[in-house]
């Protein structure tokens, strides 16, 4: 039998192999944008219910995002446009049932899957502090999304409890989405330490179809929406200097869900998987957090609390998120 050290080495190798394509894609996309970027920003984000210190792997249990953003050529900006940015993101989101130790199919109150995707976006910011984003996304659910390999590999490498239940995950399905988001400033006080904005988003696609509306309250040292870490717009197409920021925010959101492949399986599949569920049509979210941005560095931490994705789920869900960005 292999020794304990050999087992840990083998686990690390397996984890590396399952995600080397994922990481290679992120690097290739980054280098492709470096070649054309006037200014660029690298970003990393991790969502996990572990940040609530509750030692659980429940529902949306982990998300890893790597992205790069760059400025557009300032000559392309219209007279009313203050900023324009391009971005590419490669990411994986992982979904369990109410626990990651499922032994019977009847326990699967939320379908088990990962969602691996590539996202492209163009964000335009206007002088009147409105903004519009156009988003395209290609993604897959099921075994090809590598959820089981990643979760089991991490648990073995860190000597955590044994994972069970991935044999009930959704079947493979690939789909594309397109989305548009629009938002703008509603109010800012004269002292400029508080403001209120609103935004709406519509997504249409094979993986996700939904519409949402949200309001955003910011408190602290804040910049205009076309120069803020909250809207990921500290990069400036015209090369303008941007002030430092440190603020807290609260974002309530209401979403109407039309289709969610992570709950219902591939839209065109006859055999979608062992367990699928019809989503709750209306969902509410509450997001709290803070953002610190100084010169080239941005740090962010937030918590999300939301209603049940499926009416029959055992619990509501919550998770934490940390993120960092570096501009150059």
Protein backbone atom coordinates (compact mmCIF):
# COMPACT_ATOMS: atom_id res chain seq x y z
CA UNK A 1 0.00 0.00 0.00
CA UNK A 2 1.22 3.55 -0.68
CA UNK A 3 2.37 5.61 2.26
CA UNK A 4 0.43 8.62 3.55
CA UNK A 5 2.90 10.98 1.85
CA UNK A 6 2.53 9.13 -1.44
CA UNK A 7 -1.27 9.33 -1.16
CA UNK A 8 -1.12 13.10 -0.68
CA UNK A 9 1.19 13.47 -3.66
CA UNK A 10 -1.17 11.38 -5.79
CA UNK A 11 -4.15 13.47 -4.68
CA UNK A 12 -2.36 16.68 -5.58
CA UNK A 13 -1.43 15.30 -8.99
CA UNK A 14 -5.02 14.25 -9.70
CA UNK A 15 -6.33 17.65 -8.68
CA UNK A 16 -3.81 19.34 -10.94
CA UNK A 17 -4.68 17.16 -13.93
CA UNK A 18 -8.43 17.74 -13.63
CA UNK A 19 -8.01 21.51 -13.61
CA UNK A 20 -5.01 22.10 -15.83
CA UNK A 21 -7.30 22.75 -18.82
CA UNK A 22 -9.28 25.21 -16.69
CA UNK A 23 -6.14 27.09 -15.65
CA UNK A 24 -4.59 26.94 -19.11
CA UNK A 25 -7.69 28.57 -20.57
CA UNK A 26 -7.46 31.38 -18.03
CA UNK A 27 -3.78 31.99 -18.83
CA UNK A 28 -4.27 31.89 -22.60
CA UNK A 29 -7.15 34.33 -22.37
CA UNK A 30 -5.10 36.60 -20.16
CA UNK A 31 -2.12 36.63 -22.50
CA UNK A 32 -4.36 37.24 -25.52
CA UNK A 33 -5.76 40.34 -23.87
CA UNK A 34 -2.35 41.54 -22.67
CA UNK A 35 -1.30 41.82 -26.31
CA UNK A 36 -3.97 44.40 -27.07
CA UNK A 37 -4.60 46.07 -23.73
CA UNK A 38 -3.87 49.75 -23.13
CA UNK A 39 -4.49 49.17 -19.43
CA UNK A 40 -5.49 45.88 -17.81
CA UNK A 41 -6.79 44.45 -14.56
CA UNK A 42 -6.48 40.90 -13.28
CA UNK A 43 -9.21 39.70 -10.90
CA UNK A 44 -9.75 36.66 -8.71
CA UNK A 45 -12.91 35.83 -6.76
CA UNK A 46 -13.85 32.90 -4.56
CA UNK A 47 -17.39 32.24 -3.26
CA UNK A 48 -17.75 29.68 -0.47
CA UNK A 49 -20.07 28.98 2.44
CA UNK A 50 -16.91 28.21 4.44
CA UNK A 51 -16.52 31.98 4.91
CA UNK A 52 -19.54 31.88 7.20
CA UNK A 53 -17.52 29.60 9.53
CA UNK A 54 -20.28 26.99 9.55
CA UNK A 55 -18.24 24.04 8.17
CA UNK A 56 -20.80 23.02 5.56
CA UNK A 57 -20.87 22.24 1.81
CA UNK A 58 -24.42 23.24 1.07
CA UNK A 59 -26.23 24.27 -2.15
CA UNK A 60 -24.01 26.85 -3.93
CA UNK A 61 -20.93 25.73 -2.08
CA UNK A 62 -18.01 27.08 -4.11
CA UNK A 63 -17.25 29.41 -6.99
CA UNK A 64 -13.87 30.27 -8.51
CA UNK A 65 -13.54 33.14 -11.01
CA UNK A 66 -10.50 34.33 -12.94
CA UNK A 67 -10.97 37.38 -15.13
CA UNK A 68 -9.07 40.03 -17.01
CA UNK A 69 -10.42 43.42 -18.04
CA UNK A 70 -8.93 46.00 -20.37
CA UNK A 71 -9.71 49.49 -21.54
CA UNK A 72 -11.10 50.19 -24.98
CA UNK A 73 -9.34 52.60 -27.33
CA UNK A 74 -10.32 56.07 -26.12
CA UNK A 75 -10.84 57.15 -29.74
CA UNK A 76 -13.86 54.84 -29.87
CA UNK A 77 -15.69 56.59 -27.02
CA UNK A 78 -18.67 58.78 -27.89
CA UNK A 79 -19.01 62.35 -26.60
CA UNK A 80 -21.34 61.21 -23.78
CA UNK A 81 -19.27 58.15 -22.84
CA UNK A 82 -16.92 58.42 -19.85
CA UNK A 83 -15.41 54.94 -19.98
CA UNK A 84 -15.53 51.63 -21.87
CA UNK A 85 -14.09 48.27 -20.81
CA UNK A 86 -13.81 44.73 -22.17
CA UNK A 87 -13.58 41.57 -20.08
CA UNK A 88 -13.14 37.81 -20.21
CA UNK A 89 -13.90 35.46 -17.31
CA UNK A 90 -13.33 31.73 -16.87
CA UNK A 91 -15.08 30.24 -13.85
CA UNK A 92 -16.53 27.20 -12.13
CA UNK A 93 -19.54 27.20 -9.79
CA UNK A 94 -20.36 24.12 -7.72
CA UNK A 95 -23.75 23.05 -6.38
CA UNK A 96 -24.53 20.39 -3.77
CA UNK A 97 -27.74 19.30 -2.10
CA UNK A 98 -28.24 20.35 1.53
CA UNK A 99 -25.05 18.42 2.37
CA UNK A 100 -22.09 16.96 0.46
CA UNK A 101 -22.69 13.58 2.13
CA UNK A 102 -25.70 12.27 0.19
CA UNK A 103 -26.28 8.51 0.45
CA UNK A 104 -29.83 8.19 -0.90
CA UNK A 105 -31.38 9.81 -3.93
CA UNK A 106 -34.34 10.99 -1.82
CA UNK A 107 -31.95 13.33 0.04
CA UNK A 108 -31.19 15.39 -3.09
CA UNK A 109 -33.29 18.47 -2.37
CA UNK A 110 -31.27 20.56 -4.83
CA UNK A 111 -29.73 18.99 -7.98
CA UNK A 112 -26.00 18.30 -7.79
CA UNK A 113 -23.76 19.71 -10.52
CA UNK A 114 -21.00 22.13 -11.38
CA UNK A 115 -21.22 24.87 -13.99
CA UNK A 116 -18.00 25.59 -15.91
CA UNK A 117 -18.17 28.61 -18.20
CA UNK A 118 -16.41 31.23 -20.27
CA UNK A 119 -17.86 34.76 -20.28
CA UNK A 120 -17.23 37.81 -22.46
CA UNK A 121 -18.49 41.28 -21.62
CA UNK A 122 -18.37 44.88 -22.84
CA UNK A 123 -19.21 47.62 -20.32
CA UNK A 124 -20.00 51.19 -21.34
CA UNK A 125 -20.15 53.98 -18.73
CA UNK A 126 -21.64 57.40 -19.42
CA UNK A 127 -20.96 60.85 -17.99
CA UNK A 128 -24.44 61.00 -16.42
CA UNK A 129 -23.51 57.90 -14.35
CA UNK A 130 -25.59 55.39 -16.24
CA UNK A 131 -24.01 52.23 -17.60
CA UNK A 132 -24.85 49.32 -19.88
CA UNK A 133 -23.19 45.89 -20.13
CA UNK A 134 -23.47 43.34 -22.94
CA UNK A 135 -22.59 39.78 -21.90
CA UNK A 136 -22.10 36.50 -23.76
CA UNK A 137 -21.48 33.17 -22.03
CA UNK A 138 -20.64 29.60 -23.05
CA UNK A 139 -20.93 26.96 -20.33
CA UNK A 140 -21.46 23.32 -19.45
CA UNK A 141 -23.05 21.43 -16.60
CA UNK A 142 -22.58 17.76 -15.68
CA UNK A 143 -19.41 15.67 -15.48
CA UNK A 144 -17.58 17.84 -18.00
CA UNK A 145 -17.80 20.72 -15.52
CA UNK A 146 -15.34 18.82 -13.22
CA UNK A 147 -17.24 19.45 -9.99
CA UNK A 148 -16.77 16.01 -8.49
CA UNK A 149 -13.04 15.87 -9.24
CA UNK A 150 -12.44 19.30 -7.76
CA UNK A 151 -14.47 18.83 -4.59
CA UNK A 152 -13.19 15.34 -3.84
CA UNK A 153 -9.60 16.37 -4.61
CA UNK A 154 -9.74 19.34 -2.23
CA UNK A 155 -11.29 17.29 0.57
CA UNK A 156 -8.68 14.57 0.24
CA UNK A 157 -5.77 17.00 0.02
CA UNK A 158 -6.97 18.85 3.14
CA UNK A 159 -7.92 15.66 4.97
CA UNK A 160 -11.58 16.67 5.23
CA UNK A 161 -14.60 14.40 5.39
CA UNK A 162 -15.41 12.03 2.52
CA UNK A 163 -17.70 13.37 -0.21
CA UNK A 164 -20.72 11.32 -1.30
CA UNK A 165 -23.56 11.90 -3.75
CA UNK A 166 -21.94 12.92 -7.04
CA UNK A 167 -23.33 9.80 -8.73
CA UNK A 168 -26.65 11.71 -8.71
CA UNK A 169 -25.30 14.75 -10.58
CA UNK A 170 -26.96 16.18 -13.70
CA UNK A 171 -25.99 14.90 -17.14
CA UNK A 172 -23.66 16.79 -19.46
CA UNK A 173 -25.18 19.71 -21.37
CA UNK A 174 -23.62 22.68 -23.14
CA UNK A 175 -25.39 25.97 -23.67
CA UNK A 176 -24.96 29.65 -24.44
CA UNK A 177 -26.46 32.72 -22.79
CA UNK A 178 -26.72 36.38 -23.74
CA UNK A 179 -27.46 39.13 -21.24
CA UNK A 180 -27.86 42.89 -21.05
CA UNK A 181 -27.58 44.94 -17.87
CA UNK A 182 -28.50 48.58 -17.42
CA UNK A 183 -28.13 50.79 -14.37
CA UNK A 184 -27.60 54.28 -13.10
CA UNK A 185 -27.34 56.70 -10.23
CA UNK A 186 -30.56 57.75 -8.47
CA UNK A 187 -29.24 59.90 -5.62
CA UNK A 188 -26.00 61.07 -4.01
CA UNK A 189 -25.77 63.37 -1.00
CA UNK A 190 -23.91 66.69 -1.17
CA UNK A 191 -21.10 65.42 1.06
CA UNK A 192 -20.68 62.48 -1.34
CA UNK A 193 -20.38 59.74 1.26
CA UNK A 194 -23.71 58.05 0.40
CA UNK A 195 -25.49 57.19 -2.82
CA UNK A 196 -28.28 55.04 -4.21
CA UNK A 197 -28.29 53.43 -7.63
CA UNK A 198 -30.42 50.84 -9.40
CA UNK A 199 -29.79 48.22 -12.06
CA UNK A 200 -31.73 45.68 -14.07
CA UNK A 201 -30.56 42.61 -15.97
CA UNK A 202 -32.18 40.28 -18.51
CA UNK A 203 -30.60 36.94 -19.46
CA UNK A 204 -31.78 34.70 -22.28
CA UNK A 205 -30.15 31.35 -23.02
CA UNK A 206 -29.97 27.59 -22.81
CA UNK A 207 -28.35 27.55 -19.38
CA UNK A 208 -30.08 30.51 -17.78
CA UNK A 209 -33.12 32.61 -18.61
CA UNK A 210 -34.13 35.19 -16.02
CA UNK A 211 -34.70 38.86 -15.25
CA UNK A 212 -33.71 40.78 -12.14
CA UNK A 213 -33.80 44.23 -10.61
CA UNK A 214 -31.66 45.52 -7.76
CA UNK A 215 -30.89 48.67 -5.81
CA UNK A 216 -27.46 49.46 -4.37
CA UNK A 217 -26.71 51.57 -1.29
CA UNK A 218 -23.08 52.69 -0.81
CA UNK A 219 -21.71 54.31 2.37
CA UNK A 220 -18.19 55.71 2.75
CA UNK A 221 -15.51 57.03 0.44
CA UNK A 222 -17.10 56.50 -2.96
CA UNK A 223 -16.29 57.39 -6.57
CA UNK A 224 -18.66 58.04 -9.47
CA UNK A 225 -20.09 54.85 -11.00
CA UNK A 226 -17.80 55.15 -14.04
CA UNK A 227 -14.71 55.19 -11.76
CA UNK A 228 -15.67 52.75 -9.01
CA UNK A 229 -14.52 49.34 -7.87
CA UNK A 230 -18.17 48.45 -7.28
CA UNK A 231 -18.88 48.58 -11.03
CA UNK A 232 -15.37 47.25 -11.85
CA UNK A 233 -14.60 50.51 -13.65
CA UNK A 234 -11.47 51.87 -11.96
CA UNK A 235 -9.62 51.22 -15.23
CA UNK A 236 -10.01 54.36 -17.32
CA UNK A 237 -10.04 54.35 -21.12
CA UNK A 238 -8.91 57.98 -21.18
CA UNK A 239 -6.20 57.36 -18.59
CA UNK A 240 -7.71 59.64 -15.93
CA UNK A 241 -6.54 59.41 -12.32
CA UNK A 242 -8.98 57.71 -9.94
CA UNK A 243 -9.38 58.44 -6.22
CA UNK A 244 -9.04 55.74 -3.56
CA UNK A 245 -12.21 54.13 -2.21
CA UNK A 246 -13.36 52.48 0.98
CA UNK A 247 -17.07 51.86 1.39
CA UNK A 248 -19.74 49.48 2.61
CA UNK A 249 -22.67 48.46 0.46
CA UNK A 250 -26.04 46.76 0.67
CA UNK A 251 -27.80 45.35 -2.40
CA UNK A 252 -31.32 43.89 -2.25
CA UNK A 253 -32.39 42.10 -5.43
CA UNK A 254 -35.49 40.44 -6.86
CA UNK A 255 -35.22 37.85 -9.66
CA UNK A 256 -37.76 36.18 -11.91
CA UNK A 257 -36.43 32.75 -13.01
CA UNK A 258 -37.47 31.32 -16.37
CA UNK A 259 -34.97 28.45 -16.73
CA UNK A 260 -31.96 27.30 -14.71
CA UNK A 261 -29.96 24.38 -16.13
CA UNK A 262 -28.24 23.77 -12.78
CA UNK A 263 -31.69 22.88 -11.40
CA UNK A 264 -33.55 21.55 -14.45
CA UNK A 265 -30.76 19.99 -16.50
CA UNK A 266 -29.96 20.57 -20.16
CA UNK A 267 -32.94 22.17 -21.87
CA UNK A 268 -32.84 19.83 -24.90
CA UNK A 269 -31.94 16.59 -23.07
CA UNK A 270 -34.50 13.84 -22.66
CA UNK A 271 -32.48 12.25 -19.87
CA UNK A 272 -31.45 15.26 -17.82
CA UNK A 273 -30.09 13.27 -14.87
CA UNK A 274 -31.22 11.30 -11.81
CA UNK A 275 -32.74 14.32 -10.03
CA UNK A 276 -34.08 17.60 -11.42
CA UNK A 277 -36.28 20.23 -9.78
CA UNK A 278 -38.49 23.09 -10.96
CA UNK A 279 -37.08 26.38 -9.64
CA UNK A 280 -38.87 28.91 -7.52
CA UNK A 281 -40.12 31.50 -9.99
CA UNK A 282 -39.40 34.46 -7.71
CA UNK A 283 -36.22 34.76 -5.66
CA UNK A 284 -34.97 37.48 -3.33
CA UNK A 285 -31.35 38.22 -2.47
CA UNK A 286 -29.64 40.37 0.16
CA UNK A 287 -25.97 41.18 -0.32
CA UNK A 288 -23.76 43.00 2.21
CA UNK A 289 -20.08 43.82 1.92
CA UNK A 290 -17.22 46.27 1.76
CA UNK A 291 -14.75 47.36 -0.89
CA UNK A 292 -11.25 48.81 -0.46
CA UNK A 293 -9.43 50.19 -3.50
CA UNK A 294 -6.11 52.05 -3.36
CA UNK A 295 -4.06 52.84 -6.44
CA UNK A 296 -3.65 49.54 -8.36
CA UNK A 297 -5.16 47.21 -5.75
CA UNK A 298 -8.80 46.35 -5.01
CA UNK A 299 -10.00 44.09 -2.18
CA UNK A 300 -13.56 43.02 -1.62
CA UNK A 301 -15.54 40.88 0.84
CA UNK A 302 -19.27 40.24 0.85
CA UNK A 303 -22.02 37.98 2.16
CA UNK A 304 -25.08 36.78 0.27
CA UNK A 305 -28.35 35.59 1.78
CA UNK A 306 -31.12 34.38 -0.51
CA UNK A 307 -34.45 32.58 -0.62
CA UNK A 308 -34.93 28.95 -1.67
CA UNK A 309 -34.00 28.13 -5.27
CA UNK A 310 -36.43 25.20 -5.16
CA UNK A 311 -39.67 25.36 -3.13
CA UNK A 312 -38.94 21.99 -1.51
CA UNK A 313 -35.36 22.74 -0.43
CA UNK A 314 -34.72 22.04 3.25
CA UNK A 315 -33.02 25.39 3.96
CA UNK A 316 -32.44 28.86 2.66
CA UNK A 317 -28.85 29.50 1.67
CA UNK A 318 -26.06 31.93 2.45
CA UNK A 319 -22.39 32.18 1.59
CA UNK A 320 -19.41 34.52 1.68
CA UNK A 321 -17.15 35.84 -1.06
CA UNK A 322 -13.67 37.36 -1.25
CA UNK A 323 -12.06 38.99 -4.25
CA UNK A 324 -8.93 40.87 -5.31
CA UNK A 325 -7.95 42.84 -8.38
CA UNK A 326 -4.70 44.37 -9.60
CA UNK A 327 -4.41 47.01 -12.31
CA UNK A 328 -1.34 47.59 -14.47
